[in-house]
Amino acid sequence: MASDEPIENGQIDPPSVEAAKLLGVVLAEARNDRALTRYAEVDLRAVDEIRAKLQADPEDRQAASWARQIAKTWSSRISSGNFRHIRRVLDLLDSRG
């Protein structure tokens, strides 16, 4: 990540949207792990829905809570190298307001 907040189409994403996007990246990487593929596929579909909800309303508490639950679940599933990304997702969700 070149900066803390990605810029897409000239706009800076709210922290909750950035968190959902980063969570999607982590889960996409987890698809490459044979033991995690099935879980990653299911959670990626959920993250796509979460991201859509948060893009429509960055303050959607239910969507943010759903993302937080998925991130916490994955914090115990993934290798230590990706844990910092999960920590960043949780930090972004906590900073949203």
Protein backbone atom coordinates (compact mmCIF):
# COMPACT_ATOMS: atom_id res chain seq x y z
CA MET A 1 0.00 0.00 0.00
CA ALA A 2 1.57 3.23 -1.15
CA SER A 3 -0.33 5.40 1.30
CA ASP A 4 -2.65 4.93 4.23
CA GLU A 5 -5.76 5.83 2.26
CA PRO A 6 -6.27 4.59 -1.30
CA ILE A 7 -7.48 7.12 -3.82
CA GLU A 8 -9.89 5.83 -6.41
CA ASN A 9 -11.41 8.11 -9.05
CA GLY A 10 -9.97 11.10 -7.23
CA GLN A 11 -11.78 10.31 -3.99
CA ILE A 12 -10.38 9.13 -0.68
CA ASP A 13 -12.21 6.13 0.74
CA PRO A 14 -13.73 6.40 4.20
CA PRO A 15 -11.95 4.15 6.74
CA SER A 16 -14.76 1.58 6.77
CA VAL A 17 -14.64 1.18 2.98
CA GLU A 18 -10.86 0.95 3.03
CA ALA A 19 -11.14 -1.75 5.71
CA ALA A 20 -13.55 -3.79 3.58
CA LYS A 21 -11.26 -3.51 0.55
CA LEU A 22 -8.20 -4.56 2.54
CA LEU A 23 -10.11 -7.49 4.05
CA GLY A 24 -11.01 -8.54 0.51
CA VAL A 25 -7.33 -8.48 -0.48
CA VAL A 26 -6.37 -10.65 2.51
CA LEU A 27 -9.12 -13.16 1.71
CA ALA A 28 -8.17 -13.23 -1.96
CA GLU A 29 -4.65 -14.21 -0.90
CA ALA A 30 -6.05 -16.86 1.44
CA ARG A 31 -7.77 -18.52 -1.53
CA ASN A 32 -4.31 -19.70 -2.60
CA ASP A 33 -3.96 -21.76 0.59
CA ARG A 34 -5.54 -25.12 -0.10
CA ALA A 35 -6.74 -25.51 3.48
CA LEU A 36 -8.43 -22.09 3.49
CA THR A 37 -9.89 -21.87 -0.03
CA ARG A 38 -13.41 -22.92 0.92
CA TYR A 39 -13.62 -20.47 3.82
CA ALA A 40 -12.09 -17.66 1.81
CA GLU A 41 -14.58 -18.07 -1.04
CA VAL A 42 -17.56 -17.82 1.30
CA ASP A 43 -16.17 -14.84 3.20
CA LEU A 44 -15.16 -13.05 -0.02
CA ARG A 45 -18.80 -13.10 -1.13
CA ALA A 46 -19.76 -11.61 2.23
CA VAL A 47 -17.03 -8.95 1.98
CA ASP A 48 -18.31 -7.96 -1.48
CA GLU A 49 -21.73 -7.33 0.05
CA ILE A 50 -20.21 -5.53 3.04
CA ARG A 51 -18.15 -3.27 0.76
CA ALA A 52 -21.25 -2.38 -1.27
CA LYS A 53 -23.16 -1.52 1.90
CA LEU A 54 -20.31 0.58 3.26
CA GLN A 55 -19.83 2.42 -0.01
CA ALA A 56 -23.51 3.36 0.12
CA ASP A 57 -23.33 4.28 3.82
CA PRO A 58 -19.84 4.38 5.41
CA GLU A 59 -21.48 4.61 8.86
CA ASP A 60 -23.50 1.36 8.49
CA ARG A 61 -22.90 -0.22 11.90
CA GLN A 62 -24.22 -3.65 10.92
CA ALA A 63 -21.93 -3.90 7.90
CA ALA A 64 -18.94 -2.70 9.96
CA SER A 65 -19.75 -5.22 12.69
CA TRP A 66 -20.00 -7.99 10.10
CA ALA A 67 -16.61 -7.00 8.67
CA ARG A 68 -15.12 -6.93 12.19
CA GLN A 69 -16.43 -10.46 12.90
CA ILE A 70 -14.92 -11.81 9.69
CA ALA A 71 -11.59 -10.08 10.37
CA LYS A 72 -11.43 -11.48 13.90
CA THR A 73 -12.17 -14.99 12.60
CA TRP A 74 -9.41 -14.69 10.02
CA SER A 75 -6.92 -13.36 12.55
CA SER A 76 -6.74 -16.89 13.94
CA ARG A 77 -6.71 -18.63 10.54
CA ILE A 78 -3.97 -16.83 8.66
CA SER A 79 -0.24 -16.85 8.89
CA SER A 80 1.55 -14.24 10.95
CA GLY A 81 2.68 -12.38 7.82
CA ASN A 82 -0.88 -11.31 6.99
CA PHE A 83 -1.88 -10.65 10.59
CA ARG A 84 -0.73 -7.03 10.30
CA HIS A 85 -3.28 -6.55 7.51
CA ILE A 86 -6.05 -7.92 9.71
CA ARG A 87 -4.90 -5.62 12.52
CA ARG A 88 -5.08 -2.70 10.05
CA VAL A 89 -8.64 -3.72 9.06
CA LEU A 90 -9.69 -3.73 12.72
CA ASP A 91 -7.97 -0.38 13.34
CA LEU A 92 -9.76 1.18 10.36
CA LEU A 93 -13.11 -0.12 11.54
CA ASP A 94 -12.46 1.26 15.01
CA SER A 95 -11.48 4.69 13.65
CA ARG A 96 -14.63 5.18 11.63
CA GLY A 97 -16.29 7.36 14.18
